[in-house]
Amino acid sequence: MTDKPRKIAFICSKGTLDMAYPALIMGWAALGNGIEVTLFFTFWGMDLINKHRIDHLELAPVANTSMKMSLMGVKTGNLGIPNLMGVLPGMTAFATKLMRDKMNELDVPPVREFMQMLADAGAKMYACKMSVDMMDLKKEDFVDGVEAIVTAAEFIEMTEDSQIIFI
C-alpha cells in the first residue's frame, strides 16, 4: 500500500442529460470512499456547468441505438425507439421528460443540485480554456463550484497520479 491519497479525474465531454450523470454518480461514490475527485469540462460537456444550459439538458433519441424506453417505464418489450421516430417533433422532449421523471422517481438529484453537492463535498471542477474560448464563455457563465478555467496541459499536471475517466 502507498501513503498517497487515491485520486480520480473525469473528463466530461458530452452535454446531454444521459451523459451528465455517469461522472456525477461515480464522482459522488468516489468522494464517499475518500477519493479525491476532479471534473474537467470540455467541448459540449461545458453545458453541464453553463448556468444558462444546465437546467435544459436533453436526451436525444436520434442515433441513440441503446434508447430503450422500457428502461424508463414505457413498455416496449425489448424494442427501443426506432431511429426514424427520433426525428419526429417532440421526441427529444418526450425522451427527456421520461428520463427526468425516472431519475426523480429514483431520488437522483437534478444535474444542478448534483453539481452543487459535489462542489460542497470537495470535488474540484475546472473548465477547459480552449472550449471556453471557442464558445465565447467567461467564468461568470458557470455555476458555482467551478474553480477555474485551465488549459489541457494544466489539467494534466494537476491530475498527476489520478485515474482518468473520459466520458
C-alpha atoms as a PDB file:
ATOM      1  CA  MET A   1       0.000   0.000   0.000  1.00  0.00           C
ATOM      2  CA  THR A   2       1.066   3.565  -0.613  1.00  0.00           C
ATOM      3  CA  ASP A   3       0.573   6.606   1.580  1.00  0.00           C
ATOM      4  CA  LYS A   4      -0.557   8.666  -1.421  1.00  0.00           C
ATOM      5  CA  PRO A   5      -4.259   9.530  -1.474  1.00  0.00           C
ATOM      6  CA  ARG A   6      -6.255   7.904  -4.239  1.00  0.00           C
ATOM      7  CA  LYS A   7      -7.372  10.356  -6.945  1.00  0.00           C
ATOM      8  CA  ILE A   8      -9.796  10.142  -9.840  1.00  0.00           C
ATOM      9  CA  ALA A   9     -10.460  12.668 -12.621  1.00  0.00           C
ATOM     10  CA  PHE A  10     -13.397  12.729 -15.006  1.00  0.00           C
ATOM     11  CA  ILE A  11     -13.218  14.422 -18.389  1.00  0.00           C
ATOM     12  CA  CYS A  12     -16.789  15.418 -19.219  1.00  0.00           C
ATOM     13  CA  SER A  13     -17.105  15.999 -22.962  1.00  0.00           C
ATOM     14  CA  LYS A  14     -20.820  15.433 -23.599  1.00  0.00           C
ATOM     15  CA  GLY A  15     -23.662  17.830 -22.821  1.00  0.00           C
ATOM     16  CA  THR A  16     -26.707  15.589 -22.896  1.00  0.00           C
ATOM     17  CA  LEU A  17     -28.778  14.606 -19.890  1.00  0.00           C
ATOM     18  CA  ASP A  18     -27.830  10.931 -20.140  1.00  0.00           C
ATOM     19  CA  MET A  19     -24.118  11.750 -20.348  1.00  0.00           C
ATOM     20  CA  ALA A  20     -24.187  14.145 -17.379  1.00  0.00           C
ATOM     21  CA  TYR A  21     -24.968  11.519 -14.763  1.00  0.00           C
ATOM     22  CA  PRO A  22     -22.136   8.965 -15.160  1.00  0.00           C
ATOM     23  CA  ALA A  23     -19.418  11.350 -13.924  1.00  0.00           C
ATOM     24  CA  LEU A  24     -21.681  12.846 -11.255  1.00  0.00           C
ATOM     25  CA  ILE A  25     -22.697   9.479  -9.830  1.00  0.00           C
ATOM     26  CA  MET A  26     -19.205   7.987  -9.979  1.00  0.00           C
ATOM     27  CA  GLY A  27     -17.697  11.187  -8.586  1.00  0.00           C
ATOM     28  CA  TRP A  28     -20.139  11.137  -5.665  1.00  0.00           C
ATOM     29  CA  ALA A  29     -19.351   7.477  -4.984  1.00  0.00           C
ATOM     30  CA  ALA A  30     -15.614   8.215  -5.091  1.00  0.00           C
ATOM     31  CA  LEU A  31     -15.937  11.127  -2.654  1.00  0.00           C
ATOM     32  CA  GLY A  32     -17.912   8.829  -0.339  1.00  0.00           C
ATOM     33  CA  ASN A  33     -14.953   6.446  -0.390  1.00  0.00           C
ATOM     34  CA  GLY A  34     -12.439   9.144   0.476  1.00  0.00           C
ATOM     35  CA  ILE A  35     -11.085   9.511  -3.054  1.00  0.00           C
ATOM     36  CA  GLU A  36     -10.089  12.963  -4.356  1.00  0.00           C
ATOM     37  CA  VAL A  37     -12.294  13.923  -7.318  1.00  0.00           C
ATOM     38  CA  THR A  38     -11.594  16.325 -10.189  1.00  0.00           C
ATOM     39  CA  LEU A  39     -14.008  17.071 -13.029  1.00  0.00           C
ATOM     40  CA  PHE A  40     -12.798  18.711 -16.253  1.00  0.00           C
ATOM     41  CA  PHE A  41     -15.461  20.014 -18.627  1.00  0.00           C
ATOM     42  CA  THR A  42     -14.611  20.323 -22.304  1.00  0.00           C
ATOM     43  CA  PHE A  43     -16.430  20.734 -25.623  1.00  0.00           C
ATOM     44  CA  TRP A  44     -20.166  20.009 -25.214  1.00  0.00           C
ATOM     45  CA  GLY A  45     -19.574  18.993 -21.600  1.00  0.00           C
ATOM     46  CA  MET A  46     -19.445  22.749 -20.956  1.00  0.00           C
ATOM     47  CA  ASP A  47     -23.273  22.643 -20.961  1.00  0.00           C
ATOM     48  CA  LEU A  48     -23.087  20.796 -17.633  1.00  0.00           C
ATOM     49  CA  ILE A  49     -21.508  23.813 -15.941  1.00  0.00           C
ATOM     50  CA  ASN A  50     -23.040  26.612 -18.019  1.00  0.00           C
ATOM     51  CA  LYS A  51     -25.642  28.215 -15.752  1.00  0.00           C
ATOM     52  CA  HIS A  52     -27.753  29.070 -18.814  1.00  0.00           C
ATOM     53  CA  ARG A  53     -27.769  25.442 -20.097  1.00  0.00           C
ATOM     54  CA  ILE A  54     -27.537  23.192 -17.020  1.00  0.00           C
ATOM     55  CA  ASP A  55     -31.299  23.104 -16.422  1.00  0.00           C
ATOM     56  CA  HIS A  56     -32.076  22.500 -20.104  1.00  0.00           C
ATOM     57  CA  LEU A  57     -30.041  19.371 -20.868  1.00  0.00           C
ATOM     58  CA  GLU A  58     -31.854  16.963 -23.176  1.00  0.00           C
ATOM     59  CA  LEU A  59     -31.833  13.313 -24.140  1.00  0.00           C
ATOM     60  CA  ALA A  60     -31.959  12.955 -27.917  1.00  0.00           C
ATOM     61  CA  PRO A  61     -33.233   9.597 -29.201  1.00  0.00           C
ATOM     62  CA  VAL A  62     -31.866  10.206 -32.722  1.00  0.00           C
ATOM     63  CA  ALA A  63     -28.896   7.922 -33.445  1.00  0.00           C
ATOM     64  CA  ASN A  64     -29.066   6.569 -29.896  1.00  0.00           C
ATOM     65  CA  THR A  65     -29.214   2.873 -30.689  1.00  0.00           C
ATOM     66  CA  SER A  66     -29.365   1.991 -26.998  1.00  0.00           C
ATOM     67  CA  MET A  67     -32.517   4.021 -26.420  1.00  0.00           C
ATOM     68  CA  LYS A  68     -34.716   1.544 -24.590  1.00  0.00           C
ATOM     69  CA  MET A  69     -37.818   3.324 -23.400  1.00  0.00           C
ATOM     70  CA  SER A  70     -38.723   0.260 -21.336  1.00  0.00           C
ATOM     71  CA  LEU A  71     -35.822   1.224 -19.083  1.00  0.00           C
ATOM     72  CA  MET A  72     -37.664   4.450 -18.366  1.00  0.00           C
ATOM     73  CA  GLY A  73     -41.099   2.962 -17.773  1.00  0.00           C
ATOM     74  CA  VAL A  74     -42.579   2.852 -21.274  1.00  0.00           C
ATOM     75  CA  LYS A  75     -43.459  -0.751 -22.028  1.00  0.00           C
ATOM     76  CA  THR A  76     -41.927  -1.609 -25.399  1.00  0.00           C
ATOM     77  CA  GLY A  77     -40.614  -5.069 -24.634  1.00  0.00           C
ATOM     78  CA  ASN A  78     -37.002  -5.359 -25.734  1.00  0.00           C
ATOM     79  CA  LEU A  79     -37.521  -2.857 -28.507  1.00  0.00           C
ATOM     80  CA  GLY A  80     -36.039   0.590 -28.490  1.00  0.00           C
ATOM     81  CA  ILE A  81     -37.358   3.615 -30.278  1.00  0.00           C
ATOM     82  CA  PRO A  82     -36.640   3.204 -33.982  1.00  0.00           C
ATOM     83  CA  ASN A  83     -34.238   5.910 -35.132  1.00  0.00           C
ATOM     84  CA  LEU A  84     -36.750   7.191 -37.647  1.00  0.00           C
ATOM     85  CA  MET A  85     -39.189   8.016 -34.821  1.00  0.00           C
ATOM     86  CA  GLY A  86     -36.480  10.010 -33.077  1.00  0.00           C
ATOM     87  CA  VAL A  87     -36.696  12.744 -35.706  1.00  0.00           C
ATOM     88  CA  LEU A  88     -40.397  13.332 -35.107  1.00  0.00           C
ATOM     89  CA  PRO A  89     -41.231  16.645 -33.448  1.00  0.00           C
ATOM     90  CA  GLY A  90     -41.454  16.286 -29.702  1.00  0.00           C
ATOM     91  CA  MET A  91     -39.466  13.047 -29.378  1.00  0.00           C
ATOM     92  CA  THR A  92     -36.473  14.717 -27.717  1.00  0.00           C
ATOM     93  CA  ALA A  93     -38.767  16.449 -25.225  1.00  0.00           C
ATOM     94  CA  PHE A  94     -40.599  13.152 -24.640  1.00  0.00           C
ATOM     95  CA  ALA A  95     -37.403  11.164 -24.030  1.00  0.00           C
ATOM     96  CA  THR A  96     -36.017  13.938 -21.816  1.00  0.00           C
ATOM     97  CA  LYS A  97     -39.174  14.051 -19.698  1.00  0.00           C
ATOM     98  CA  LEU A  98     -39.169  10.278 -19.282  1.00  0.00           C
ATOM     99  CA  MET A  99     -35.568  10.304 -18.107  1.00  0.00           C
ATOM    100  CA  ARG A 100     -36.112  13.239 -15.731  1.00  0.00           C
ATOM    101  CA  ASP A 101     -39.187  11.521 -14.282  1.00  0.00           C
ATOM    102  CA  LYS A 102     -37.316   8.236 -13.830  1.00  0.00           C
ATOM    103  CA  MET A 103     -34.354   9.943 -12.152  1.00  0.00           C
ATOM    104  CA  ASN A 104     -36.744  11.821  -9.863  1.00  0.00           C
ATOM    105  CA  GLU A 105     -38.540   8.566  -9.022  1.00  0.00           C
ATOM    106  CA  LEU A 106     -35.154   7.091  -8.033  1.00  0.00           C
ATOM    107  CA  ASP A 107     -34.382  10.192  -5.881  1.00  0.00           C
ATOM    108  CA  VAL A 108     -31.461  11.171  -8.103  1.00  0.00           C
ATOM    109  CA  PRO A 109     -30.902  14.930  -7.817  1.00  0.00           C
ATOM    110  CA  PRO A 110     -31.178  17.179 -10.879  1.00  0.00           C
ATOM    111  CA  VAL A 111     -27.836  17.984 -12.520  1.00  0.00           C
ATOM    112  CA  ARG A 112     -27.526  21.489 -10.984  1.00  0.00           C
ATOM    113  CA  GLU A 113     -28.154  20.164  -7.466  1.00  0.00           C
ATOM    114  CA  PHE A 114     -25.779  17.230  -8.034  1.00  0.00           C
ATOM    115  CA  MET A 115     -23.029  19.635  -9.156  1.00  0.00           C
ATOM    116  CA  GLN A 116     -23.508  21.704  -6.010  1.00  0.00           C
ATOM    117  CA  MET A 117     -23.389  18.584  -3.840  1.00  0.00           C
ATOM    118  CA  LEU A 118     -20.087  17.573  -5.466  1.00  0.00           C
ATOM    119  CA  ALA A 119     -18.582  21.031  -5.011  1.00  0.00           C
ATOM    120  CA  ASP A 120     -19.746  21.188  -1.378  1.00  0.00           C
ATOM    121  CA  ALA A 121     -18.214  17.757  -0.737  1.00  0.00           C
ATOM    122  CA  GLY A 122     -14.818  18.838  -2.078  1.00  0.00           C
ATOM    123  CA  ALA A 123     -14.781  17.849  -5.738  1.00  0.00           C
ATOM    124  CA  LYS A 124     -12.643  20.161  -7.863  1.00  0.00           C
ATOM    125  CA  MET A 125     -14.253  21.412 -11.078  1.00  0.00           C
ATOM    126  CA  TYR A 126     -12.500  23.065 -13.993  1.00  0.00           C
ATOM    127  CA  ALA A 127     -13.497  24.398 -17.412  1.00  0.00           C
ATOM    128  CA  CYS A 128     -11.304  23.774 -20.472  1.00  0.00           C
ATOM    129  CA  LYS A 129      -9.711  27.012 -21.677  1.00  0.00           C
ATOM    130  CA  MET A 130      -9.820  26.095 -25.351  1.00  0.00           C
ATOM    131  CA  SER A 131     -13.532  25.206 -25.141  1.00  0.00           C
ATOM    132  CA  VAL A 132     -14.279  28.368 -23.148  1.00  0.00           C
ATOM    133  CA  ASP A 133     -12.543  30.465 -25.816  1.00  0.00           C
ATOM    134  CA  MET A 134     -14.165  28.545 -28.664  1.00  0.00           C
ATOM    135  CA  MET A 135     -17.648  29.085 -27.193  1.00  0.00           C
ATOM    136  CA  ASP A 136     -17.049  32.703 -26.138  1.00  0.00           C
ATOM    137  CA  LEU A 137     -17.738  31.903 -22.480  1.00  0.00           C
ATOM    138  CA  LYS A 138     -16.432  33.521 -19.292  1.00  0.00           C
ATOM    139  CA  LYS A 139     -16.134  32.282 -15.713  1.00  0.00           C
ATOM    140  CA  GLU A 140     -19.306  34.231 -14.873  1.00  0.00           C
ATOM    141  CA  ASP A 141     -21.227  31.890 -17.217  1.00  0.00           C
ATOM    142  CA  PHE A 142     -20.507  28.904 -14.967  1.00  0.00           C
ATOM    143  CA  VAL A 143     -22.335  27.522 -11.960  1.00  0.00           C
ATOM    144  CA  ASP A 144     -20.853  27.959  -8.500  1.00  0.00           C
ATOM    145  CA  GLY A 145     -18.188  25.401  -7.779  1.00  0.00           C
ATOM    146  CA  VAL A 146     -16.203  25.773 -10.994  1.00  0.00           C
ATOM    147  CA  GLU A 147     -12.835  26.785  -9.585  1.00  0.00           C
ATOM    148  CA  ALA A 148     -11.008  27.971 -12.675  1.00  0.00           C
ATOM    149  CA  ILE A 149     -10.561  27.867 -16.406  1.00  0.00           C
ATOM    150  CA  VAL A 150      -7.458  25.783 -17.170  1.00  0.00           C
ATOM    151  CA  THR A 151      -5.593  24.532 -20.202  1.00  0.00           C
ATOM    152  CA  ALA A 152      -5.355  20.853 -21.050  1.00  0.00           C
ATOM    153  CA  ALA A 153      -1.695  20.930 -20.002  1.00  0.00           C
ATOM    154  CA  GLU A 154      -2.611  22.412 -16.614  1.00  0.00           C
ATOM    155  CA  PHE A 155      -5.289  19.760 -16.137  1.00  0.00           C
ATOM    156  CA  ILE A 156      -2.797  17.004 -16.921  1.00  0.00           C
ATOM    157  CA  GLU A 157      -0.325  18.494 -14.454  1.00  0.00           C
ATOM    158  CA  MET A 158      -2.883  18.881 -11.659  1.00  0.00           C
ATOM    159  CA  THR A 159      -4.179  15.325 -12.083  1.00  0.00           C
ATOM    160  CA  GLU A 160      -0.826  13.571 -11.844  1.00  0.00           C
ATOM    161  CA  ASP A 161      -1.257  10.142 -10.237  1.00  0.00           C
ATOM    162  CA  SER A 162      -5.024  10.257 -10.878  1.00  0.00           C
ATOM    163  CA  GLN A 163      -7.119   7.643 -12.574  1.00  0.00           C
ATOM    164  CA  ILE A 164      -8.589   9.412 -15.628  1.00  0.00           C
ATOM    165  CA  ILE A 165     -12.029   8.537 -16.955  1.00  0.00           C
ATOM    166  CA  PHE A 166     -13.215  10.071 -20.241  1.00  0.00           C
ATOM    167  CA  ILE A 167     -16.961  10.482 -20.662  1.00  0.00           C
END
